[in-house]
Amino acid sequence: MIYTCNIDTPLALITASAENNKLTGLWFMGQKYYPSKTDAWITKPDYPLFKELKLWIKNYFEGKNPSLKNIKLEPHGTFFQKDVWNILINIPYGKTITYGEIAKQLAHKKGLCSMSAQAVGGAVGHNPISILIPCHRVIGATGTLTGYAGGIDKKEALLRLEKIILS
């Protein structure tokens, strides 16, 4: 069963989904790639994981760097997407990385000479657990803000919250 709840944030309402006490999704309401098949989801704001998630989100928006130790993540995606998302999870709070740097890390891990930064961008864009898997910390090669499924305005706000200054 997939449980869900909506959570207010200073940026927008977000929707969370969970299965087996693991977070499977966190989307800004109406964002790009918002799930289309939600009819069978069960609204359960008191689901145990959501209590921890709400605390994490509260702390995050207060400018703190909360730990994920009490929230298990289980995003659904391809092996490639999961490889990219595992790199995203390790981007430190207050830091950024480029799509190209992620592509280099993946190429090295797989023993390849290179990998497509555009393919990485596609996987980053389909990240189903916004904020906790910090895809907002991925920027263009020149330091520019590029696509964000939740909207560039939200990406910019999240980076400002983390005191990341972009040129």
N, C-alpha and C. Protein backbone atom coordinates (compact mmCIF):
# COMPACT_ATOMS: atom_id res chain seq x y z
N MET A 1 0.82 -1.18 0.00
CA MET A 1 0.00 0.00 0.00
C MET A 1 0.87 1.25 0.00
N ILE A 2 0.41 2.23 -0.72
CA ILE A 2 1.12 3.51 -0.77
C ILE A 2 0.33 4.51 0.08
N TYR A 3 1.03 5.05 1.07
CA TYR A 3 0.43 6.06 1.94
C TYR A 3 0.94 7.42 1.52
N THR A 4 0.13 8.44 1.75
CA THR A 4 0.49 9.78 1.32
C THR A 4 0.02 10.82 2.32
N CYS A 5 0.66 11.97 2.24
CA CYS A 5 0.19 13.13 3.00
C CYS A 5 0.72 14.37 2.32
N ASN A 6 0.07 15.49 2.58
CA ASN A 6 0.53 16.78 2.10
C ASN A 6 1.16 17.53 3.26
N ILE A 7 2.23 18.26 2.96
CA ILE A 7 2.96 19.00 3.98
C ILE A 7 3.16 20.42 3.48
N ASP A 8 2.82 21.38 4.31
CA ASP A 8 3.06 22.79 3.97
C ASP A 8 4.53 23.11 4.18
N THR A 9 5.12 23.84 3.24
CA THR A 9 6.47 24.36 3.40
C THR A 9 6.42 25.85 3.06
N PRO A 10 7.47 26.58 3.40
CA PRO A 10 7.50 28.00 3.04
C PRO A 10 7.48 28.24 1.52
N LEU A 11 7.83 27.22 0.73
CA LEU A 11 7.86 27.40 -0.72
C LEU A 11 6.56 26.99 -1.40
N ALA A 12 5.97 25.91 -0.93
CA ALA A 12 4.76 25.38 -1.56
C ALA A 12 4.32 24.14 -0.80
N LEU A 13 3.13 23.70 -1.10
CA LEU A 13 2.64 22.44 -0.57
C LEU A 13 3.40 21.31 -1.25
N ILE A 14 3.79 20.31 -0.47
CA ILE A 14 4.45 19.14 -1.05
C ILE A 14 3.65 17.89 -0.70
N THR A 15 3.78 16.90 -1.55
CA THR A 15 3.12 15.62 -1.34
C THR A 15 4.20 14.57 -1.09
N ALA A 16 4.00 13.77 -0.06
CA ALA A 16 4.91 12.68 0.26
C ALA A 16 4.20 11.36 0.01
N SER A 17 4.97 10.35 -0.38
CA SER A 17 4.43 9.00 -0.49
C SER A 17 5.40 8.03 0.18
N ALA A 18 4.82 6.97 0.74
CA ALA A 18 5.64 5.98 1.44
C ALA A 18 5.02 4.59 1.29
N GLU A 19 5.92 3.62 1.29
CA GLU A 19 5.53 2.21 1.31
C GLU A 19 6.45 1.50 2.28
N ASN A 20 5.90 0.57 3.06
CA ASN A 20 6.71 -0.23 3.98
C ASN A 20 7.62 0.64 4.85
N ASN A 21 7.09 1.77 5.31
CA ASN A 21 7.79 2.72 6.16
C ASN A 21 9.07 3.27 5.53
N LYS A 22 9.08 3.36 4.21
CA LYS A 22 10.18 3.97 3.47
C LYS A 22 9.59 5.06 2.57
N LEU A 23 10.29 6.19 2.52
CA LEU A 23 9.83 7.30 1.69
C LEU A 23 10.10 6.98 0.22
N THR A 24 9.05 7.03 -0.60
CA THR A 24 9.19 6.73 -2.02
C THR A 24 9.04 7.97 -2.89
N GLY A 25 8.50 9.04 -2.32
CA GLY A 25 8.32 10.24 -3.12
C GLY A 25 8.12 11.48 -2.28
N LEU A 26 8.56 12.61 -2.83
CA LEU A 26 8.33 13.92 -2.22
C LEU A 26 8.36 14.94 -3.36
N TRP A 27 7.19 15.48 -3.69
CA TRP A 27 7.06 16.37 -4.84
C TRP A 27 6.40 17.67 -4.44
N PHE A 28 6.84 18.76 -5.05
CA PHE A 28 6.10 20.00 -4.94
C PHE A 28 4.79 19.79 -5.71
N MET A 29 3.70 20.25 -5.15
CA MET A 29 2.40 20.06 -5.78
C MET A 29 2.42 20.57 -7.21
N GLY A 30 2.06 19.69 -8.14
CA GLY A 30 1.96 20.05 -9.54
C GLY A 30 3.27 20.16 -10.29
N GLN A 31 4.37 19.76 -9.69
CA GLN A 31 5.65 19.88 -10.38
C GLN A 31 5.73 18.94 -11.57
N LYS A 32 6.71 19.18 -12.41
CA LYS A 32 6.97 18.31 -13.54
C LYS A 32 7.27 16.90 -13.00
N TYR A 33 6.77 15.90 -13.66
CA TYR A 33 6.92 14.49 -13.29
C TYR A 33 6.16 14.12 -12.01
N TYR A 34 5.19 14.94 -11.62
CA TYR A 34 4.33 14.58 -10.49
C TYR A 34 3.60 13.30 -10.88
N PRO A 35 3.48 12.34 -9.98
CA PRO A 35 2.87 11.06 -10.35
C PRO A 35 1.45 11.23 -10.88
N SER A 36 1.13 10.44 -11.88
CA SER A 36 -0.21 10.53 -12.48
C SER A 36 -1.16 9.48 -11.93
N LYS A 37 -0.61 8.40 -11.41
CA LYS A 37 -1.47 7.32 -10.91
C LYS A 37 -1.48 7.32 -9.38
N THR A 38 -2.33 8.16 -8.83
CA THR A 38 -2.39 8.29 -7.38
C THR A 38 -3.74 7.87 -6.80
N ASP A 39 -4.61 7.34 -7.65
CA ASP A 39 -5.97 6.98 -7.21
C ASP A 39 -5.97 5.97 -6.06
N ALA A 40 -5.03 5.04 -6.07
CA ALA A 40 -5.01 3.99 -5.05
C ALA A 40 -4.27 4.41 -3.78
N TRP A 41 -3.68 5.59 -3.79
CA TRP A 41 -2.94 6.05 -2.61
C TRP A 41 -3.91 6.29 -1.46
N ILE A 42 -3.45 6.01 -0.27
CA ILE A 42 -4.26 6.19 0.93
C ILE A 42 -3.70 7.37 1.72
N THR A 43 -4.54 8.37 1.93
CA THR A 43 -4.12 9.53 2.70
C THR A 43 -4.03 9.14 4.17
N LYS A 44 -2.82 9.29 4.73
CA LYS A 44 -2.61 8.88 6.12
C LYS A 44 -1.52 9.78 6.73
N PRO A 45 -1.89 11.01 7.08
CA PRO A 45 -0.89 11.95 7.61
C PRO A 45 -0.22 11.50 8.90
N ASP A 46 -0.85 10.54 9.64
CA ASP A 46 -0.25 10.07 10.88
C ASP A 46 0.62 8.83 10.68
N TYR A 47 0.88 8.46 9.45
CA TYR A 47 1.78 7.33 9.16
C TYR A 47 3.12 7.62 9.84
N PRO A 48 3.70 6.66 10.56
CA PRO A 48 4.90 6.92 11.37
C PRO A 48 6.04 7.64 10.63
N LEU A 49 6.33 7.25 9.42
CA LEU A 49 7.42 7.88 8.67
C LEU A 49 7.15 9.36 8.43
N PHE A 50 5.89 9.72 8.23
CA PHE A 50 5.56 11.11 7.94
C PHE A 50 5.84 12.02 9.14
N LYS A 51 5.74 11.48 10.35
CA LYS A 51 6.08 12.27 11.54
C LYS A 51 7.56 12.67 11.47
N GLU A 52 8.42 11.74 11.18
CA GLU A 52 9.86 12.01 11.04
C GLU A 52 10.13 12.97 9.88
N LEU A 53 9.43 12.75 8.77
CA LEU A 53 9.60 13.60 7.59
C LEU A 53 9.21 15.04 7.89
N LYS A 54 8.09 15.23 8.56
CA LYS A 54 7.63 16.58 8.89
C LYS A 54 8.65 17.30 9.78
N LEU A 55 9.24 16.57 10.72
CA LEU A 55 10.28 17.16 11.58
C LEU A 55 11.51 17.52 10.75
N TRP A 56 11.90 16.63 9.85
CA TRP A 56 13.05 16.89 8.98
C TRP A 56 12.80 18.15 8.16
N ILE A 57 11.64 18.24 7.54
CA ILE A 57 11.31 19.40 6.70
C ILE A 57 11.27 20.69 7.53
N LYS A 58 10.70 20.63 8.72
CA LYS A 58 10.66 21.80 9.60
C LYS A 58 12.09 22.27 9.89
N ASN A 59 12.95 21.34 10.29
CA ASN A 59 14.34 21.69 10.60
C ASN A 59 15.07 22.23 9.37
N TYR A 60 14.85 21.61 8.24
CA TYR A 60 15.51 22.05 7.01
C TYR A 60 15.13 23.50 6.69
N PHE A 61 13.85 23.80 6.74
CA PHE A 61 13.41 25.16 6.40
C PHE A 61 13.74 26.18 7.48
N GLU A 62 14.19 25.71 8.63
CA GLU A 62 14.72 26.61 9.65
C GLU A 62 16.22 26.86 9.44
N GLY A 63 16.77 26.33 8.35
CA GLY A 63 18.17 26.56 8.02
C GLY A 63 19.12 25.57 8.66
N LYS A 64 18.59 24.49 9.18
CA LYS A 64 19.43 23.46 9.79
C LYS A 64 19.76 22.40 8.75
N ASN A 65 20.72 21.55 9.06
CA ASN A 65 21.12 20.46 8.19
C ASN A 65 20.71 19.15 8.86
N PRO A 66 19.43 18.78 8.76
CA PRO A 66 18.96 17.59 9.48
C PRO A 66 19.52 16.29 8.90
N SER A 67 19.66 15.32 9.76
CA SER A 67 20.16 14.00 9.37
C SER A 67 19.04 13.15 8.78
N LEU A 68 19.41 12.28 7.87
CA LEU A 68 18.44 11.36 7.27
C LEU A 68 18.40 10.01 7.98
N LYS A 69 19.09 9.89 9.11
CA LYS A 69 19.22 8.58 9.75
C LYS A 69 17.88 7.95 10.14
N ASN A 70 16.87 8.76 10.41
CA ASN A 70 15.57 8.21 10.81
C ASN A 70 14.58 8.09 9.65
N ILE A 71 15.03 8.41 8.44
CA ILE A 71 14.14 8.34 7.28
C ILE A 71 14.79 7.44 6.24
N LYS A 72 14.16 6.32 5.99
CA LYS A 72 14.66 5.41 4.95
C LYS A 72 14.07 5.84 3.62
N LEU A 73 14.94 5.92 2.61
CA LEU A 73 14.51 6.34 1.27
C LEU A 73 14.48 5.14 0.34
N GLU A 74 13.44 5.08 -0.48
CA GLU A 74 13.35 4.03 -1.49
C GLU A 74 12.72 4.58 -2.77
N PRO A 75 13.50 5.40 -3.49
CA PRO A 75 12.97 5.94 -4.75
C PRO A 75 12.89 4.85 -5.81
N HIS A 76 11.84 4.87 -6.59
CA HIS A 76 11.67 3.90 -7.67
C HIS A 76 12.26 4.50 -8.95
N GLY A 77 13.10 3.72 -9.63
CA GLY A 77 13.69 4.18 -10.88
C GLY A 77 14.57 3.10 -11.48
N THR A 78 15.22 3.44 -12.57
CA THR A 78 16.12 2.50 -13.24
C THR A 78 17.43 2.40 -12.46
N PHE A 79 18.25 1.42 -12.80
CA PHE A 79 19.56 1.29 -12.15
C PHE A 79 20.39 2.56 -12.36
N PHE A 80 20.35 3.10 -13.58
CA PHE A 80 21.11 4.31 -13.88
C PHE A 80 20.61 5.47 -13.02
N GLN A 81 19.30 5.66 -12.96
CA GLN A 81 18.74 6.74 -12.15
C GLN A 81 19.17 6.59 -10.69
N LYS A 82 19.09 5.37 -10.17
CA LYS A 82 19.47 5.14 -8.78
C LYS A 82 20.95 5.43 -8.54
N ASP A 83 21.79 5.10 -9.51
CA ASP A 83 23.22 5.43 -9.40
C ASP A 83 23.40 6.95 -9.29
N VAL A 84 22.68 7.69 -10.10
CA VAL A 84 22.76 9.16 -10.06
C VAL A 84 22.23 9.66 -8.72
N TRP A 85 21.08 9.15 -8.28
CA TRP A 85 20.49 9.62 -7.03
C TRP A 85 21.38 9.32 -5.84
N ASN A 86 22.12 8.20 -5.89
CA ASN A 86 23.06 7.89 -4.80
C ASN A 86 24.19 8.91 -4.73
N ILE A 87 24.58 9.45 -5.86
CA ILE A 87 25.58 10.52 -5.85
C ILE A 87 24.95 11.79 -5.27
N LEU A 88 23.72 12.08 -5.64
CA LEU A 88 23.05 13.27 -5.13
C LEU A 88 22.96 13.25 -3.61
N ILE A 89 22.65 12.11 -3.05
CA ILE A 89 22.50 12.00 -1.59
C ILE A 89 23.79 12.41 -0.88
N ASN A 90 24.91 12.24 -1.54
CA ASN A 90 26.21 12.52 -0.92
C ASN A 90 26.72 13.93 -1.18
N ILE A 91 25.93 14.77 -1.85
CA ILE A 91 26.33 16.17 -2.02
C ILE A 91 26.13 16.85 -0.67
N PRO A 92 27.18 17.38 -0.09
CA PRO A 92 27.03 18.00 1.24
C PRO A 92 26.09 19.21 1.22
N TYR A 93 25.43 19.41 2.33
CA TYR A 93 24.58 20.58 2.56
C TYR A 93 25.43 21.83 2.31
N GLY A 94 24.87 22.76 1.56
CA GLY A 94 25.58 24.02 1.30
C GLY A 94 26.60 23.94 0.17
N LYS A 95 26.66 22.83 -0.54
CA LYS A 95 27.61 22.65 -1.65
C LYS A 95 26.85 22.33 -2.93
N THR A 96 27.51 22.53 -4.06
CA THR A 96 26.90 22.18 -5.34
C THR A 96 27.86 21.30 -6.13
N ILE A 97 27.32 20.71 -7.17
CA ILE A 97 28.08 19.87 -8.09
C ILE A 97 27.46 20.09 -9.47
N THR A 98 28.23 19.87 -10.52
CA THR A 98 27.70 20.02 -11.88
C THR A 98 27.26 18.67 -12.43
N TYR A 99 26.43 18.74 -13.45
CA TYR A 99 26.01 17.52 -14.14
C TYR A 99 27.22 16.79 -14.70
N GLY A 100 28.17 17.56 -15.22
CA GLY A 100 29.38 16.97 -15.78
C GLY A 100 30.22 16.26 -14.73
N GLU A 101 30.29 16.83 -13.54
CA GLU A 101 31.04 16.18 -12.46
C GLU A 101 30.40 14.86 -12.06
N ILE A 102 29.07 14.84 -12.03
CA ILE A 102 28.36 13.59 -11.73
C ILE A 102 28.64 12.57 -12.83
N ALA A 103 28.61 13.00 -14.09
CA ALA A 103 28.88 12.11 -15.22
C ALA A 103 30.29 11.51 -15.09
N LYS A 104 31.26 12.33 -14.71
CA LYS A 104 32.64 11.83 -14.53
C LYS A 104 32.71 10.80 -13.41
N GLN A 105 32.02 11.07 -12.30
CA GLN A 105 32.00 10.11 -11.19
C GLN A 105 31.41 8.77 -11.63
N LEU A 106 30.29 8.83 -12.35
CA LEU A 106 29.65 7.60 -12.82
C LEU A 106 30.53 6.86 -13.82
N ALA A 107 31.15 7.58 -14.74
CA ALA A 107 32.03 6.95 -15.72
C ALA A 107 33.17 6.25 -15.01
N HIS A 108 33.77 6.91 -14.04
CA HIS A 108 34.87 6.32 -13.28
C HIS A 108 34.40 5.05 -12.56
N LYS A 109 33.24 5.13 -11.91
CA LYS A 109 32.68 4.00 -11.17
C LYS A 109 32.43 2.80 -12.09
N LYS A 110 32.01 3.08 -13.32
CA LYS A 110 31.67 2.01 -14.26
C LYS A 110 32.84 1.61 -15.17
N GLY A 111 33.99 2.27 -14.97
CA GLY A 111 35.17 1.95 -15.78
C GLY A 111 35.05 2.43 -17.21
N LEU A 112 34.33 3.52 -17.42
CA LEU A 112 34.15 4.07 -18.76
C LEU A 112 35.00 5.32 -18.92
N CYS A 113 35.29 5.67 -20.16
CA CYS A 113 36.06 6.89 -20.43
C CYS A 113 35.22 8.14 -20.16
N SER A 114 33.94 8.08 -20.48
CA SER A 114 33.08 9.24 -20.28
C SER A 114 31.63 8.79 -20.18
N MET A 115 30.80 9.73 -19.81
CA MET A 115 29.37 9.49 -19.73
C MET A 115 28.67 10.80 -20.05
N SER A 116 27.48 10.73 -20.54
CA SER A 116 26.73 11.90 -20.97
C SER A 116 26.19 12.71 -19.79
N ALA A 117 26.56 13.98 -19.74
CA ALA A 117 26.01 14.88 -18.73
C ALA A 117 24.51 15.07 -18.97
N GLN A 118 24.07 14.98 -20.22
CA GLN A 118 22.64 15.13 -20.53
C GLN A 118 21.85 13.95 -19.96
N ALA A 119 22.42 12.75 -20.04
CA ALA A 119 21.74 11.58 -19.46
C ALA A 119 21.65 11.74 -17.94
N VAL A 120 22.71 12.25 -17.35
CA VAL A 120 22.70 12.53 -15.91
C VAL A 120 21.59 13.54 -15.61
N GLY A 121 21.49 14.59 -16.43
CA GLY A 121 20.46 15.60 -16.23
C GLY A 121 19.07 15.01 -16.27
N GLY A 122 18.84 14.04 -17.15
CA GLY A 122 17.54 13.38 -17.21
C GLY A 122 17.23 12.62 -15.94
N ALA A 123 18.23 11.93 -15.40
CA ALA A 123 18.04 11.19 -14.15
C ALA A 123 17.82 12.14 -12.98
N VAL A 124 18.60 13.22 -12.95
CA VAL A 124 18.44 14.21 -11.88
C VAL A 124 17.03 14.78 -11.92
N GLY A 125 16.55 15.11 -13.11
CA GLY A 125 15.22 15.69 -13.26
C GLY A 125 14.09 14.78 -12.85
N HIS A 126 14.32 13.46 -12.92
CA HIS A 126 13.28 12.50 -12.54
C HIS A 126 13.41 12.03 -11.09
N ASN A 127 14.25 12.68 -10.32
CA ASN A 127 14.39 12.35 -8.90
C ASN A 127 13.02 12.46 -8.22
N PRO A 128 12.52 11.36 -7.65
CA PRO A 128 11.18 11.41 -7.05
C PRO A 128 11.14 11.91 -5.60
N ILE A 129 12.30 12.15 -5.00
CA ILE A 129 12.31 12.57 -3.59
C ILE A 129 13.03 13.91 -3.49
N SER A 130 12.32 14.96 -3.86
CA SER A 130 12.89 16.30 -3.83
C SER A 130 13.40 16.66 -2.44
N ILE A 131 14.35 17.50 -2.40
CA ILE A 131 14.95 18.09 -1.21
C ILE A 131 15.80 17.07 -0.45
N LEU A 132 15.23 15.93 -0.04
CA LEU A 132 16.00 14.94 0.71
C LEU A 132 17.08 14.30 -0.17
N ILE A 133 16.74 14.01 -1.41
CA ILE A 133 17.75 13.65 -2.41
C ILE A 133 17.97 14.97 -3.15
N PRO A 134 19.03 15.68 -2.78
CA PRO A 134 19.15 17.11 -3.11
C PRO A 134 19.54 17.44 -4.56
N CYS A 135 18.61 17.18 -5.46
CA CYS A 135 18.86 17.50 -6.87
C CYS A 135 18.96 19.00 -7.10
N HIS A 136 18.47 19.80 -6.15
CA HIS A 136 18.58 21.26 -6.29
C HIS A 136 20.03 21.72 -6.19
N ARG A 137 20.93 20.87 -5.70
CA ARG A 137 22.34 21.23 -5.56
C ARG A 137 23.14 20.97 -6.84
N VAL A 138 22.47 20.53 -7.89
CA VAL A 138 23.15 20.27 -9.17
C VAL A 138 22.96 21.49 -10.07
N ILE A 139 24.08 21.99 -10.58
CA ILE A 139 24.06 23.21 -11.39
C ILE A 139 24.75 22.96 -12.72
N GLY A 140 24.60 23.90 -13.63
CA GLY A 140 25.24 23.82 -14.94
C GLY A 140 26.74 24.02 -14.84
N ALA A 141 27.45 23.68 -15.89
CA ALA A 141 28.91 23.73 -15.93
C ALA A 141 29.47 25.13 -15.66
N THR A 142 28.71 26.15 -16.01
CA THR A 142 29.19 27.52 -15.81
C THR A 142 28.68 28.12 -14.50
N GLY A 143 28.10 27.28 -13.66
CA GLY A 143 27.57 27.77 -12.39
C GLY A 143 26.16 28.30 -12.48
N THR A 144 25.52 28.09 -13.61
CA THR A 144 24.16 28.60 -13.81
C THR A 144 23.13 27.63 -13.26
N LEU A 145 21.97 28.19 -12.92
CA LEU A 145 20.86 27.35 -12.51
C LEU A 145 20.20 26.80 -13.76
N THR A 146 20.11 25.52 -13.82
CA THR A 146 19.43 24.88 -14.95
C THR A 146 18.20 24.18 -14.41
N GLY A 147 17.51 23.47 -15.23
CA GLY A 147 16.22 22.88 -14.91
C GLY A 147 16.06 22.33 -13.51
N TYR A 148 14.85 22.43 -13.03
CA TYR A 148 14.45 21.84 -11.75
C TYR A 148 12.97 21.53 -11.88
N ALA A 149 12.61 20.26 -11.66
CA ALA A 149 11.23 19.84 -11.87
C ALA A 149 10.23 20.65 -11.03
N GLY A 150 10.68 21.12 -9.87
CA GLY A 150 9.81 21.92 -9.02
C GLY A 150 9.74 23.38 -9.41
N GLY A 151 10.60 23.79 -10.35
CA GLY A 151 10.65 25.17 -10.80
C GLY A 151 11.95 25.84 -10.36
N ILE A 152 12.53 26.62 -11.25
CA ILE A 152 13.80 27.30 -10.97
C ILE A 152 13.67 28.21 -9.74
N ASP A 153 12.52 28.82 -9.54
CA ASP A 153 12.33 29.69 -8.37
C ASP A 153 12.51 28.92 -7.07
N LYS A 154 12.04 27.69 -7.04
CA LYS A 154 12.18 26.86 -5.83
C LYS A 154 13.63 26.40 -5.67
N LYS A 155 14.27 26.05 -6.78
CA LYS A 155 15.67 25.64 -6.72
C LYS A 155 16.52 26.78 -6.15
N GLU A 156 16.28 27.97 -6.66
CA GLU A 156 17.03 29.14 -6.19
C GLU A 156 16.77 29.39 -4.70
N ALA A 157 15.54 29.25 -4.27
CA ALA A 157 15.19 29.46 -2.86
C ALA A 157 15.86 28.42 -1.97
N LEU A 158 15.90 27.17 -2.41
CA LEU A 158 16.54 26.12 -1.62
C LEU A 158 18.05 26.37 -1.51
N LEU A 159 18.66 26.80 -2.59
CA LEU A 159 20.10 27.10 -2.55
C LEU A 159 20.38 28.29 -1.63
N ARG A 160 19.54 29.31 -1.69
CA ARG A 160 19.69 30.47 -0.79
C ARG A 160 19.55 30.04 0.66
N LEU A 161 18.58 29.17 0.93
CA LEU A 161 18.38 28.66 2.28
C LEU A 161 19.65 28.00 2.81
N GLU A 162 20.35 27.29 1.93
CA GLU A 162 21.59 26.61 2.31
C GLU A 162 22.80 27.55 2.22
N LYS A 163 22.53 28.83 1.96
CA LYS A 163 23.57 29.85 1.88
C LYS A 163 24.57 29.60 0.75
N ILE A 164 24.07 29.01 -0.33
CA ILE A 164 24.89 28.80 -1.53
C ILE A 164 24.76 30.04 -2.37
N ILE A 165 25.89 30.65 -2.67
CA ILE A 165 25.90 31.88 -3.46
C ILE A 165 26.37 31.53 -4.87
N LEU A 166 25.53 31.85 -5.82
CA LEU A 166 25.86 31.59 -7.22
C LEU A 166 26.22 32.89 -7.90
N SER A 167 27.12 32.78 -8.89
CA SER A 167 27.52 33.99 -9.61
C SER A 167 26.47 34.41 -10.59
